[in-house]
């Protein structure tokens, strides 16, 4: 048996009173108006310090639920760089509070997933719906049965739901201010023309932010097309904006996966980055720091996103999906400045 974890130990680590810790561990926090966020911090630390393991070794049962089983994360695609980046952080966050974690893929065009929703609820104690995996049908189905779930990188303005997102409006401000400092005026905003438009709100936010500043000319917008059977999108539209009358000075790429074919195309055309044209990505991609030239980008707060999602999901499971409080958490991204933007 390990060292006994006492209430006062948890209280000292968190900077709260022993009475508060006792109320949380005895499932009386709601009765005394203790904030949900404070409850989550107490319970998360109790798991990390082995409090519940100690209780189990003593042959006792904790008043609060100890291990709510396995949490599933539904993702639109395993090829999304965001999935690669966030998974290690989520695994660590759930492991520290003693919960299993698994990944489920969902193609938005696959109607069979609708029939699987009921079965998934039997296998998992709660779900995280990532981005476009949070379609209207799935959300309605889970809400109807009071099933615990959290939306990750997907906001919902019409319903009261638990959401954890990167604050894209702050990210747009960071990028616009950086471009202003560098002195560029002619900017081309690059997206991809896909059947399911992703990132429409983020695109509009950066356009609005650039429009609020008088130092920029009206940005040009390009939608790259990926023809059937083609491995990469057609980047030839970019070249015409390099010539008069527009004379592009910077490419602002909305999707990190477009950066690789764009840079490859520019090299073939013997156009240098950033000497001939600068480039910033609104998302971080794998290996951006190793590319030639290293790419300036917005980095999502992966660790903070994972911790928030884990705590809110655990709280939802503990309350059987009927928690009184629904939280909309927005976390600030970081601008990672590298050579591609032309900064000195």
C-alpha atoms as a PDB file:
ATOM      1  CA  UNK A   1       0.000   0.000   0.000  1.00  0.00           C
ATOM      2  CA  UNK A   2       1.330   3.407  -0.930  1.00  0.00           C
ATOM      3  CA  UNK A   3       1.439   6.512   1.178  1.00  0.00           C
ATOM      4  CA  UNK A   4      -1.968   7.478   2.507  1.00  0.00           C
ATOM      5  CA  UNK A   5      -3.441  10.472   0.711  1.00  0.00           C
ATOM      6  CA  UNK A   6      -5.342  12.756   3.051  1.00  0.00           C
ATOM      7  CA  UNK A   7      -7.788  15.552   2.336  1.00  0.00           C
ATOM      8  CA  UNK A   8      -5.342  18.089   3.706  1.00  0.00           C
ATOM      9  CA  UNK A   9      -2.721  16.931   1.165  1.00  0.00           C
ATOM     10  CA  UNK A  10      -5.102  17.622  -1.703  1.00  0.00           C
ATOM     11  CA  UNK A  11      -6.154  20.931  -0.146  1.00  0.00           C
ATOM     12  CA  UNK A  12      -2.526  22.067   0.217  1.00  0.00           C
ATOM     13  CA  UNK A  13      -1.714  21.237  -3.407  1.00  0.00           C
ATOM     14  CA  UNK A  14      -4.766  23.091  -4.709  1.00  0.00           C
ATOM     15  CA  UNK A  15      -4.688  26.009  -2.282  1.00  0.00           C
ATOM     16  CA  UNK A  16      -8.229  25.382  -1.009  1.00  0.00           C
ATOM     17  CA  UNK A  17      -9.687  24.402   2.344  1.00  0.00           C
ATOM     18  CA  UNK A  18      -9.865  20.853   3.649  1.00  0.00           C
ATOM     19  CA  UNK A  19     -13.605  21.295   4.078  1.00  0.00           C
ATOM     20  CA  UNK A  20     -14.035  22.040   0.381  1.00  0.00           C
ATOM     21  CA  UNK A  21     -12.065  18.906  -0.556  1.00  0.00           C
ATOM     22  CA  UNK A  22     -14.161  16.819   1.844  1.00  0.00           C
ATOM     23  CA  UNK A  23     -17.406  18.122   0.348  1.00  0.00           C
ATOM     24  CA  UNK A  24     -16.268  17.268  -3.178  1.00  0.00           C
ATOM     25  CA  UNK A  25     -15.075  13.757  -2.270  1.00  0.00           C
ATOM     26  CA  UNK A  26     -18.335  13.085  -0.427  1.00  0.00           C
ATOM     27  CA  UNK A  27     -20.450  14.227  -3.389  1.00  0.00           C
ATOM     28  CA  UNK A  28     -21.878  17.231  -1.523  1.00  0.00           C
ATOM     29  CA  UNK A  29     -20.230  19.973  -3.574  1.00  0.00           C
ATOM     30  CA  UNK A  30     -23.351  20.894  -5.574  1.00  0.00           C
ATOM     31  CA  UNK A  31     -25.354  21.315  -2.379  1.00  0.00           C
ATOM     32  CA  UNK A  32     -22.856  23.914  -1.147  1.00  0.00           C
ATOM     33  CA  UNK A  33     -22.505  25.795  -4.442  1.00  0.00           C
ATOM     34  CA  UNK A  34     -18.934  24.719  -5.243  1.00  0.00           C
ATOM     35  CA  UNK A  35     -18.112  25.495  -8.877  1.00  0.00           C
ATOM     36  CA  UNK A  36     -17.929  22.589 -11.332  1.00  0.00           C
ATOM     37  CA  UNK A  37     -14.464  23.655 -12.419  1.00  0.00           C
ATOM     38  CA  UNK A  38     -13.240  23.490  -8.798  1.00  0.00           C
ATOM     39  CA  UNK A  39     -14.822  20.070  -8.354  1.00  0.00           C
ATOM     40  CA  UNK A  40     -13.052  18.791 -11.462  1.00  0.00           C
ATOM     41  CA  UNK A  41      -9.682  20.043 -10.197  1.00  0.00           C
ATOM     42  CA  UNK A  42     -10.135  18.308  -6.838  1.00  0.00           C
ATOM     43  CA  UNK A  43     -11.216  15.001  -8.390  1.00  0.00           C
ATOM     44  CA  UNK A  44      -8.525  15.065 -11.070  1.00  0.00           C
ATOM     45  CA  UNK A  45      -5.794  15.643  -8.474  1.00  0.00           C
ATOM     46  CA  UNK A  46      -7.288  12.940  -6.234  1.00  0.00           C
ATOM     47  CA  UNK A  47      -6.903  10.460  -9.073  1.00  0.00           C
ATOM     48  CA  UNK A  48      -3.367  11.570  -9.852  1.00  0.00           C
ATOM     49  CA  UNK A  49      -2.295  11.214  -6.207  1.00  0.00           C
ATOM     50  CA  UNK A  50      -3.880   7.763  -5.887  1.00  0.00           C
ATOM     51  CA  UNK A  51      -6.677   8.686  -3.476  1.00  0.00           C
ATOM     52  CA  UNK A  52      -9.231   6.363  -5.084  1.00  0.00           C
ATOM     53  CA  UNK A  53      -6.719   3.493  -5.353  1.00  0.00           C
ATOM     54  CA  UNK A  54      -6.080   3.834  -1.626  1.00  0.00           C
ATOM     55  CA  UNK A  55      -9.822   3.713  -0.895  1.00  0.00           C
ATOM     56  CA  UNK A  56     -10.165   0.580  -3.001  1.00  0.00           C
ATOM     57  CA  UNK A  57      -7.230  -1.128  -1.229  1.00  0.00           C
ATOM     58  CA  UNK A  58      -8.964  -0.502   2.077  1.00  0.00           C
ATOM     59  CA  UNK A  59     -12.023  -2.376   0.794  1.00  0.00           C
ATOM     60  CA  UNK A  60     -14.186   0.742   0.802  1.00  0.00           C
ATOM     61  CA  UNK A  61     -16.270   2.421  -1.894  1.00  0.00           C
ATOM     62  CA  UNK A  62     -15.962   6.065  -2.795  1.00  0.00           C
ATOM     63  CA  UNK A  63     -19.118   8.166  -2.772  1.00  0.00           C
ATOM     64  CA  UNK A  64     -18.109   9.776  -6.067  1.00  0.00           C
ATOM     65  CA  UNK A  65     -17.829   7.579  -9.153  1.00  0.00           C
ATOM     66  CA  UNK A  66     -14.263   6.351  -9.587  1.00  0.00           C
ATOM     67  CA  UNK A  67     -13.735   4.943 -13.070  1.00  0.00           C
ATOM     68  CA  UNK A  68     -16.412   5.778 -15.633  1.00  0.00           C
ATOM     69  CA  UNK A  69     -15.007   3.296 -18.198  1.00  0.00           C
ATOM     70  CA  UNK A  70     -13.846   4.167 -21.717  1.00  0.00           C
ATOM     71  CA  UNK A  71     -14.289   7.460 -23.553  1.00  0.00           C
ATOM     72  CA  UNK A  72     -14.526   7.344 -27.340  1.00  0.00           C
ATOM     73  CA  UNK A  73     -13.502  10.163 -29.681  1.00  0.00           C
ATOM     74  CA  UNK A  74     -15.314  10.252 -33.030  1.00  0.00           C
ATOM     75  CA  UNK A  75     -13.178  11.791 -35.785  1.00  0.00           C
ATOM     76  CA  UNK A  76     -14.010  12.482 -39.465  1.00  0.00           C
ATOM     77  CA  UNK A  77     -10.635  11.166 -40.629  1.00  0.00           C
ATOM     78  CA  UNK A  78      -7.464   9.701 -39.196  1.00  0.00           C
ATOM     79  CA  UNK A  79      -5.489  11.634 -41.814  1.00  0.00           C
ATOM     80  CA  UNK A  80      -6.200  14.984 -40.170  1.00  0.00           C
ATOM     81  CA  UNK A  81      -2.940  16.405 -38.700  1.00  0.00           C
ATOM     82  CA  UNK A  82      -4.944  17.731 -35.742  1.00  0.00           C
ATOM     83  CA  UNK A  83      -5.853  14.140 -34.802  1.00  0.00           C
ATOM     84  CA  UNK A  84      -2.186  13.112 -34.819  1.00  0.00           C
ATOM     85  CA  UNK A  85      -1.273  16.051 -32.617  1.00  0.00           C
ATOM     86  CA  UNK A  86      -4.096  15.861 -30.060  1.00  0.00           C
ATOM     87  CA  UNK A  87      -4.187  12.069 -29.445  1.00  0.00           C
ATOM     88  CA  UNK A  88      -1.023  11.832 -27.259  1.00  0.00           C
ATOM     89  CA  UNK A  89      -2.272  14.716 -25.102  1.00  0.00           C
ATOM     90  CA  UNK A  90      -5.720  13.159 -24.718  1.00  0.00           C
ATOM     91  CA  UNK A  91      -4.258   9.766 -23.842  1.00  0.00           C
ATOM     92  CA  UNK A  92      -2.146  11.382 -21.144  1.00  0.00           C
ATOM     93  CA  UNK A  93      -5.040  13.492 -19.800  1.00  0.00           C
ATOM     94  CA  UNK A  94      -7.399  10.514 -19.520  1.00  0.00           C
ATOM     95  CA  UNK A  95      -4.697   8.203 -18.136  1.00  0.00           C
ATOM     96  CA  UNK A  96      -4.009  10.568 -15.237  1.00  0.00           C
ATOM     97  CA  UNK A  97      -7.640  10.294 -14.127  1.00  0.00           C
ATOM     98  CA  UNK A  98      -7.918   6.551 -14.734  1.00  0.00           C
ATOM     99  CA  UNK A  99     -10.140   6.517 -17.817  1.00  0.00           C
ATOM    100  CA  UNK A 100      -9.671   4.501 -21.020  1.00  0.00           C
ATOM    101  CA  UNK A 101      -9.590   6.268 -24.376  1.00  0.00           C
ATOM    102  CA  UNK A 102     -10.306   5.051 -27.919  1.00  0.00           C
ATOM    103  CA  UNK A 103     -10.713   6.479 -31.444  1.00  0.00           C
ATOM    104  CA  UNK A 104     -13.694   5.939 -33.759  1.00  0.00           C
ATOM    105  CA  UNK A 105     -13.662   7.115 -37.388  1.00  0.00           C
ATOM    106  CA  UNK A 106     -16.799   8.484 -39.028  1.00  0.00           C
ATOM    107  CA  UNK A 107     -17.149   9.381 -42.662  1.00  0.00           C
ATOM    108  CA  UNK A 108     -19.734  12.212 -42.884  1.00  0.00           C
ATOM    109  CA  UNK A 109     -21.053  10.625 -46.108  1.00  0.00           C
ATOM    110  CA  UNK A 110     -21.492   7.168 -44.547  1.00  0.00           C
ATOM    111  CA  UNK A 111     -25.136   6.848 -43.501  1.00  0.00           C
ATOM    112  CA  UNK A 112     -24.411   3.573 -41.694  1.00  0.00           C
ATOM    113  CA  UNK A 113     -22.937   5.511 -38.781  1.00  0.00           C
ATOM    114  CA  UNK A 114     -26.422   6.738 -37.861  1.00  0.00           C
ATOM    115  CA  UNK A 115     -27.460   3.151 -37.146  1.00  0.00           C
ATOM    116  CA  UNK A 116     -24.333   2.569 -35.071  1.00  0.00           C
ATOM    117  CA  UNK A 117     -24.956   5.445 -32.662  1.00  0.00           C
ATOM    118  CA  UNK A 118     -27.098   3.346 -30.319  1.00  0.00           C
ATOM    119  CA  UNK A 119     -24.514   0.552 -30.260  1.00  0.00           C
ATOM    120  CA  UNK A 120     -21.649   2.965 -29.587  1.00  0.00           C
ATOM    121  CA  UNK A 121     -23.457   4.286 -26.522  1.00  0.00           C
ATOM    122  CA  UNK A 122     -23.387   0.789 -25.035  1.00  0.00           C
ATOM    123  CA  UNK A 123     -19.634   0.418 -25.413  1.00  0.00           C
ATOM    124  CA  UNK A 124     -18.477   3.874 -24.277  1.00  0.00           C
ATOM    125  CA  UNK A 125     -19.250   5.847 -21.133  1.00  0.00           C
ATOM    126  CA  UNK A 126     -19.009   9.116 -23.044  1.00  0.00           C
ATOM    127  CA  UNK A 127     -18.036  10.559 -26.420  1.00  0.00           C
ATOM    128  CA  UNK A 128     -15.938  13.388 -27.810  1.00  0.00           C
ATOM    129  CA  UNK A 129     -17.142  14.567 -31.222  1.00  0.00           C
ATOM    130  CA  UNK A 130     -14.378  16.206 -33.251  1.00  0.00           C
ATOM    131  CA  UNK A 131     -15.175  18.840 -35.855  1.00  0.00           C
ATOM    132  CA  UNK A 132     -17.431  17.658 -38.686  1.00  0.00           C
ATOM    133  CA  UNK A 133     -18.111  14.374 -36.855  1.00  0.00           C
ATOM    134  CA  UNK A 134     -20.543  16.420 -34.746  1.00  0.00           C
ATOM    135  CA  UNK A 135     -23.366  16.409 -37.293  1.00  0.00           C
ATOM    136  CA  UNK A 136     -26.921  17.437 -36.379  1.00  0.00           C
ATOM    137  CA  UNK A 137     -28.309  13.894 -36.299  1.00  0.00           C
ATOM    138  CA  UNK A 138     -25.631  12.580 -33.934  1.00  0.00           C
ATOM    139  CA  UNK A 139     -25.976  15.569 -31.590  1.00  0.00           C
ATOM    140  CA  UNK A 140     -29.767  15.221 -31.452  1.00  0.00           C
ATOM    141  CA  UNK A 141     -29.545  11.485 -30.864  1.00  0.00           C
ATOM    142  CA  UNK A 142     -27.088  11.842 -27.983  1.00  0.00           C
ATOM    143  CA  UNK A 143     -28.986  14.734 -26.370  1.00  0.00           C
ATOM    144  CA  UNK A 144     -32.303  12.868 -26.514  1.00  0.00           C
ATOM    145  CA  UNK A 145     -30.868  10.038 -24.444  1.00  0.00           C
ATOM    146  CA  UNK A 146     -28.982  12.381 -22.050  1.00  0.00           C
ATOM    147  CA  UNK A 147     -25.754  10.723 -23.173  1.00  0.00           C
ATOM    148  CA  UNK A 148     -22.509  12.382 -21.981  1.00  0.00           C
ATOM    149  CA  UNK A 149     -20.619  14.045 -24.838  1.00  0.00           C
ATOM    150  CA  UNK A 150     -18.404  17.054 -25.583  1.00  0.00           C
ATOM    151  CA  UNK A 151     -17.755  18.845 -28.866  1.00  0.00           C
ATOM    152  CA  UNK A 152     -14.094  19.459 -29.700  1.00  0.00           C
ATOM    153  CA  UNK A 153     -13.213  22.175 -32.230  1.00  0.00           C
ATOM    154  CA  UNK A 154     -16.884  22.530 -33.111  1.00  0.00           C
ATOM    155  CA  UNK A 155     -19.073  25.342 -31.798  1.00  0.00           C
ATOM    156  CA  UNK A 156     -22.865  25.259 -31.674  1.00  0.00           C
ATOM    157  CA  UNK A 157     -24.707  28.574 -31.453  1.00  0.00           C
ATOM    158  CA  UNK A 158     -28.250  27.190 -31.365  1.00  0.00           C
ATOM    159  CA  UNK A 159     -27.916  24.597 -28.578  1.00  0.00           C
ATOM    160  CA  UNK A 160     -26.553  24.639 -25.037  1.00  0.00           C
ATOM    161  CA  UNK A 161     -23.706  22.133 -25.266  1.00  0.00           C
ATOM    162  CA  UNK A 162     -20.273  21.520 -23.795  1.00  0.00           C
ATOM    163  CA  UNK A 163     -17.716  22.728 -26.336  1.00  0.00           C
ATOM    164  CA  UNK A 164     -13.935  23.114 -26.267  1.00  0.00           C
ATOM    165  CA  UNK A 165     -12.459  25.104 -29.151  1.00  0.00           C
ATOM    166  CA  UNK A 166      -9.421  27.051 -30.218  1.00  0.00           C
ATOM    167  CA  UNK A 167     -10.299  30.750 -30.325  1.00  0.00           C
ATOM    168  CA  UNK A 168     -10.040  31.344 -34.069  1.00  0.00           C
ATOM    169  CA  UNK A 169     -10.937  35.031 -33.759  1.00  0.00           C
ATOM    170  CA  UNK A 170      -7.880  35.619 -31.541  1.00  0.00           C
ATOM    171  CA  UNK A 171      -5.807  33.609 -34.009  1.00  0.00           C
ATOM    172  CA  UNK A 172      -6.998  35.826 -36.872  1.00  0.00           C
ATOM    173  CA  UNK A 173      -5.983  38.917 -34.891  1.00  0.00           C
ATOM    174  CA  UNK A 174      -2.507  37.509 -34.178  1.00  0.00           C
ATOM    175  CA  UNK A 175      -1.909  36.744 -37.856  1.00  0.00           C
ATOM    176  CA  UNK A 176      -3.256  40.086 -39.124  1.00  0.00           C
ATOM    177  CA  UNK A 177      -1.124  42.050 -36.663  1.00  0.00           C
ATOM    178  CA  UNK A 178       1.990  40.080 -37.639  1.00  0.00           C
ATOM    179  CA  UNK A 179       1.403  40.669 -41.359  1.00  0.00           C
ATOM    180  CA  UNK A 180       0.877  44.370 -40.642  1.00  0.00           C
ATOM    181  CA  UNK A 181       4.244  44.554 -38.847  1.00  0.00           C
ATOM    182  CA  UNK A 182       5.953  42.902 -41.810  1.00  0.00           C
ATOM    183  CA  UNK A 183       4.508  45.541 -44.150  1.00  0.00           C
ATOM    184  CA  UNK A 184       2.784  43.286 -46.705  1.00  0.00           C
ATOM    185  CA  UNK A 185      -0.229  44.742 -48.508  1.00  0.00           C
ATOM    186  CA  UNK A 186      -1.218  42.310 -51.256  1.00  0.00           C
ATOM    187  CA  UNK A 187      -2.395  39.038 -49.742  1.00  0.00           C
ATOM    188  CA  UNK A 188      -3.856  35.933 -51.391  1.00  0.00           C
ATOM    189  CA  UNK A 189      -6.042  33.755 -49.175  1.00  0.00           C
ATOM    190  CA  UNK A 190      -5.932  30.094 -50.269  1.00  0.00           C
ATOM    191  CA  UNK A 191      -8.584  27.447 -49.513  1.00  0.00           C
ATOM    192  CA  UNK A 192      -9.605  24.194 -51.189  1.00  0.00           C
ATOM    193  CA  UNK A 193     -12.821  23.717 -53.134  1.00  0.00           C
ATOM    194  CA  UNK A 194     -14.282  20.610 -51.480  1.00  0.00           C
ATOM    195  CA  UNK A 195     -17.874  19.295 -51.362  1.00  0.00           C
ATOM    196  CA  UNK A 196     -17.982  19.895 -47.593  1.00  0.00           C
ATOM    197  CA  UNK A 197     -16.770  23.393 -46.812  1.00  0.00           C
ATOM    198  CA  UNK A 198     -14.566  23.257 -43.718  1.00  0.00           C
ATOM    199  CA  UNK A 199     -13.315  26.338 -41.931  1.00  0.00           C
ATOM    200  CA  UNK A 200     -15.787  28.804 -43.463  1.00  0.00           C
ATOM    201  CA  UNK A 201     -16.073  30.768 -40.216  1.00  0.00           C
ATOM    202  CA  UNK A 202     -12.287  30.899 -39.771  1.00  0.00           C
ATOM    203  CA  UNK A 203     -11.880  32.150 -43.333  1.00  0.00           C
ATOM    204  CA  UNK A 204     -14.421  34.907 -42.782  1.00  0.00           C
ATOM    205  CA  UNK A 205     -12.788  35.906 -39.485  1.00  0.00           C
ATOM    206  CA  UNK A 206      -9.369  36.478 -41.026  1.00  0.00           C
ATOM    207  CA  UNK A 207     -10.947  38.382 -43.942  1.00  0.00           C
ATOM    208  CA  UNK A 208     -12.826  40.595 -41.480  1.00  0.00           C
ATOM    209  CA  UNK A 209      -9.683  41.184 -39.442  1.00  0.00           C
ATOM    210  CA  UNK A 210      -7.666  42.167 -42.511  1.00  0.00           C
ATOM    211  CA  UNK A 211     -10.536  44.386 -43.661  1.00  0.00           C
ATOM    212  CA  UNK A 212     -10.517  46.311 -40.381  1.00  0.00           C
ATOM    213  CA  UNK A 213      -6.956  47.443 -41.021  1.00  0.00           C
ATOM    214  CA  UNK A 214      -6.424  50.186 -43.566  1.00  0.00           C
ATOM    215  CA  UNK A 215      -2.899  49.036 -44.403  1.00  0.00           C
ATOM    216  CA  UNK A 216      -4.046  46.104 -46.591  1.00  0.00           C
ATOM    217  CA  UNK A 217      -5.479  46.025 -50.076  1.00  0.00           C
ATOM    218  CA  UNK A 218      -8.540  43.818 -50.503  1.00  0.00           C
ATOM    219  CA  UNK A 219      -7.248  40.212 -50.300  1.00  0.00           C
ATOM    220  CA  UNK A 220      -7.667  37.939 -53.303  1.00  0.00           C
ATOM    221  CA  UNK A 221      -9.315  34.581 -52.633  1.00  0.00           C
ATOM    222  CA  UNK A 222      -8.380  31.322 -54.368  1.00  0.00           C
ATOM    223  CA  UNK A 223     -10.130  27.951 -54.080  1.00  0.00           C
ATOM    224  CA  UNK A 224      -7.769  25.230 -55.243  1.00  0.00           C
ATOM    225  CA  UNK A 225      -9.458  22.347 -57.082  1.00  0.00           C
ATOM    226  CA  UNK A 226      -8.483  18.703 -56.629  1.00  0.00           C
ATOM    227  CA  UNK A 227      -9.477  16.925 -59.826  1.00  0.00           C
ATOM    228  CA  UNK A 228     -10.740  13.304 -59.701  1.00  0.00           C
ATOM    229  CA  UNK A 229      -7.842  10.893 -59.356  1.00  0.00           C
ATOM    230  CA  UNK A 230      -5.327  13.669 -58.667  1.00  0.00           C
ATOM    231  CA  UNK A 231      -3.082  13.282 -55.642  1.00  0.00           C
ATOM    232  CA  UNK A 232      -2.579  17.029 -55.221  1.00  0.00           C
ATOM    233  CA  UNK A 233      -4.823  20.050 -55.916  1.00  0.00           C
ATOM    234  CA  UNK A 234      -4.206  22.261 -58.955  1.00  0.00           C
ATOM    235  CA  UNK A 235      -2.080  25.185 -57.727  1.00  0.00           C
ATOM    236  CA  UNK A 236      -1.726  26.922 -61.090  1.00  0.00           C
ATOM    237  CA  UNK A 237      -4.151  29.711 -60.077  1.00  0.00           C
ATOM    238  CA  UNK A 238      -1.508  31.077 -57.728  1.00  0.00           C
ATOM    239  CA  UNK A 239       0.871  32.057 -60.515  1.00  0.00           C
ATOM    240  CA  UNK A 240      -1.446  34.607 -62.141  1.00  0.00           C
ATOM    241  CA  UNK A 241      -1.718  36.512 -58.856  1.00  0.00           C
ATOM    242  CA  UNK A 242       2.076  36.810 -58.773  1.00  0.00           C
ATOM    243  CA  UNK A 243       1.934  39.047 -61.839  1.00  0.00           C
ATOM    244  CA  UNK A 244       0.418  42.528 -62.329  1.00  0.00           C
ATOM    245  CA  UNK A 245      -2.038  43.942 -61.617  1.00  0.00           C
ATOM    246  CA  UNK A 246      -2.222  42.158 -58.232  1.00  0.00           C
ATOM    247  CA  UNK A 247       1.441  41.265 -57.500  1.00  0.00           C
ATOM    248  CA  UNK A 248       0.848  39.034 -54.470  1.00  0.00           C
ATOM    249  CA  UNK A 249       3.299  39.484 -51.601  1.00  0.00           C
ATOM    250  CA  UNK A 250       1.972  36.793 -49.258  1.00  0.00           C
ATOM    251  CA  UNK A 251      -0.036  33.560 -49.383  1.00  0.00           C
ATOM    252  CA  UNK A 252      -2.301  32.974 -46.391  1.00  0.00           C
ATOM    253  CA  UNK A 253      -3.156  29.244 -46.444  1.00  0.00           C
ATOM    254  CA  UNK A 254      -6.209  28.169 -44.443  1.00  0.00           C
ATOM    255  CA  UNK A 255      -5.574  24.402 -44.490  1.00  0.00           C
ATOM    256  CA  UNK A 256      -2.224  22.991 -43.389  1.00  0.00           C
ATOM    257  CA  UNK A 257      -2.493  20.113 -45.864  1.00  0.00           C
ATOM    258  CA  UNK A 258      -2.435  22.605 -48.743  1.00  0.00           C
ATOM    259  CA  UNK A 259       0.957  23.966 -47.692  1.00  0.00           C
ATOM    260  CA  UNK A 260       2.909  20.953 -48.973  1.00  0.00           C
ATOM    261  CA  UNK A 261       1.603  20.964 -52.586  1.00  0.00           C
ATOM    262  CA  UNK A 262       1.763  24.776 -52.725  1.00  0.00           C
ATOM    263  CA  UNK A 263       5.424  24.868 -51.712  1.00  0.00           C
ATOM    264  CA  UNK A 264       6.193  22.040 -54.136  1.00  0.00           C
ATOM    265  CA  UNK A 265       4.488  23.959 -56.947  1.00  0.00           C
ATOM    266  CA  UNK A 266       6.345  27.183 -56.169  1.00  0.00           C
ATOM    267  CA  UNK A 267       9.687  25.338 -56.217  1.00  0.00           C
ATOM    268  CA  UNK A 268       8.871  23.907 -59.653  1.00  0.00           C
ATOM    269  CA  UNK A 269       8.172  27.446 -60.852  1.00  0.00           C
ATOM    270  CA  UNK A 270      11.473  28.577 -59.297  1.00  0.00           C
ATOM    271  CA  UNK A 271       9.659  30.939 -56.943  1.00  0.00           C
ATOM    272  CA  UNK A 272      11.416  31.343 -53.604  1.00  0.00           C
ATOM    273  CA  UNK A 273       9.826  31.533 -50.156  1.00  0.00           C
ATOM    274  CA  UNK A 274       9.941  34.129 -48.678  1.00  0.00           C
ATOM    275  CA  UNK A 275      12.116  36.064 -51.154  1.00  0.00           C
ATOM    276  CA  UNK A 276       9.576  36.007 -54.007  1.00  0.00           C
ATOM    277  CA  UNK A 277       6.444  35.421 -51.953  1.00  0.00           C
ATOM    278  CA  UNK A 278       5.885  34.925 -48.221  1.00  0.00           C
ATOM    279  CA  UNK A 279       3.625  32.275 -46.713  1.00  0.00           C
ATOM    280  CA  UNK A 280       1.701  31.768 -43.458  1.00  0.00           C
ATOM    281  CA  UNK A 281      -0.484  28.782 -42.563  1.00  0.00           C
ATOM    282  CA  UNK A 282      -3.548  29.211 -40.342  1.00  0.00           C
ATOM    283  CA  UNK A 283      -2.941  25.672 -39.063  1.00  0.00           C
ATOM    284  CA  UNK A 284       0.171  23.836 -37.977  1.00  0.00           C
ATOM    285  CA  UNK A 285       1.175  20.832 -40.049  1.00  0.00           C
ATOM    286  CA  UNK A 286       3.451  17.900 -39.353  1.00  0.00           C
ATOM    287  CA  UNK A 287       7.077  18.743 -40.077  1.00  0.00           C
ATOM    288  CA  UNK A 288       6.531  22.458 -40.687  1.00  0.00           C
ATOM    289  CA  UNK A 289       9.680  23.216 -38.696  1.00  0.00           C
ATOM    290  CA  UNK A 290      11.718  20.841 -40.886  1.00  0.00           C
ATOM    291  CA  UNK A 291      10.555  22.065 -44.282  1.00  0.00           C
ATOM    292  CA  UNK A 292      12.558  24.174 -46.654  1.00  0.00           C
ATOM    293  CA  UNK A 293      11.559  26.894 -45.863  1.00  0.00           C
ATOM    294  CA  UNK A 294      10.240  26.389 -42.232  1.00  0.00           C
ATOM    295  CA  UNK A 295       6.602  27.492 -42.154  1.00  0.00           C
ATOM    296  CA  UNK A 296       5.107  30.213 -39.946  1.00  0.00           C
ATOM    297  CA  UNK A 297       1.774  28.997 -38.563  1.00  0.00           C
ATOM    298  CA  UNK A 298      -0.848  29.145 -35.834  1.00  0.00           C
ATOM    299  CA  UNK A 299      -0.382  26.410 -33.244  1.00  0.00           C
ATOM    300  CA  UNK A 300      -3.406  25.113 -31.379  1.00  0.00           C
ATOM    301  CA  UNK A 301      -3.046  24.701 -27.575  1.00  0.00           C
ATOM    302  CA  UNK A 302      -3.154  20.886 -27.752  1.00  0.00           C
ATOM    303  CA  UNK A 303      -2.281  20.185 -24.121  1.00  0.00           C
ATOM    304  CA  UNK A 304      -4.822  22.668 -22.750  1.00  0.00           C
ATOM    305  CA  UNK A 305      -7.505  21.427 -25.146  1.00  0.00           C
ATOM    306  CA  UNK A 306      -6.926  17.842 -24.002  1.00  0.00           C
ATOM    307  CA  UNK A 307      -7.047  18.659 -20.287  1.00  0.00           C
ATOM    308  CA  UNK A 308     -10.252  20.691 -20.632  1.00  0.00           C
ATOM    309  CA  UNK A 309     -11.943  18.021 -22.753  1.00  0.00           C
ATOM    310  CA  UNK A 310     -10.952  15.256 -20.332  1.00  0.00           C
ATOM    311  CA  UNK A 311     -12.224  17.120 -17.278  1.00  0.00           C
ATOM    312  CA  UNK A 312     -15.519  18.184 -18.850  1.00  0.00           C
ATOM    313  CA  UNK A 313     -16.150  14.708 -20.289  1.00  0.00           C
ATOM    314  CA  UNK A 314     -15.457  13.101 -16.911  1.00  0.00           C
ATOM    315  CA  UNK A 315     -17.838  15.565 -15.256  1.00  0.00           C
ATOM    316  CA  UNK A 316     -20.545  14.782 -17.832  1.00  0.00           C
ATOM    317  CA  UNK A 317     -20.147  11.037 -17.272  1.00  0.00           C
ATOM    318  CA  UNK A 318     -20.269  11.525 -13.516  1.00  0.00           C
ATOM    319  CA  UNK A 319     -23.565  13.412 -13.925  1.00  0.00           C
ATOM    320  CA  UNK A 320     -24.949  10.860 -16.425  1.00  0.00           C
ATOM    321  CA  UNK A 321     -25.146  13.524 -19.129  1.00  0.00           C
ATOM    322  CA  UNK A 322     -27.540  15.620 -17.061  1.00  0.00           C
ATOM    323  CA  UNK A 323     -25.069  18.135 -15.646  1.00  0.00           C
ATOM    324  CA  UNK A 324     -26.662  21.472 -14.846  1.00  0.00           C
ATOM    325  CA  UNK A 325     -23.777  23.512 -16.276  1.00  0.00           C
ATOM    326  CA  UNK A 326     -22.748  23.477 -19.938  1.00  0.00           C
ATOM    327  CA  UNK A 327     -19.460  25.168 -20.709  1.00  0.00           C
ATOM    328  CA  UNK A 328     -18.165  26.801 -23.887  1.00  0.00           C
ATOM    329  CA  UNK A 329     -14.388  26.968 -23.530  1.00  0.00           C
ATOM    330  CA  UNK A 330     -12.251  28.941 -26.017  1.00  0.00           C
ATOM    331  CA  UNK A 331      -8.471  28.646 -25.753  1.00  0.00           C
ATOM    332  CA  UNK A 332      -5.970  31.026 -27.337  1.00  0.00           C
ATOM    333  CA  UNK A 333      -3.634  29.691 -30.085  1.00  0.00           C
ATOM    334  CA  UNK A 334       0.031  30.636 -30.464  1.00  0.00           C
ATOM    335  CA  UNK A 335       1.650  32.208 -33.518  1.00  0.00           C
ATOM    336  CA  UNK A 336       4.837  30.287 -34.329  1.00  0.00           C
ATOM    337  CA  UNK A 337       7.059  32.592 -36.381  1.00  0.00           C
ATOM    338  CA  UNK A 338       9.490  30.904 -38.771  1.00  0.00           C
ATOM    339  CA  UNK A 339      11.252  31.920 -41.971  1.00  0.00           C
ATOM    340  CA  UNK A 340       8.433  31.465 -44.494  1.00  0.00           C
ATOM    341  CA  UNK A 341       6.757  34.761 -43.581  1.00  0.00           C
ATOM    342  CA  UNK A 342       9.921  36.757 -44.314  1.00  0.00           C
ATOM    343  CA  UNK A 343      10.490  37.934 -40.761  1.00  0.00           C
ATOM    344  CA  UNK A 344      14.009  38.922 -39.782  1.00  0.00           C
END
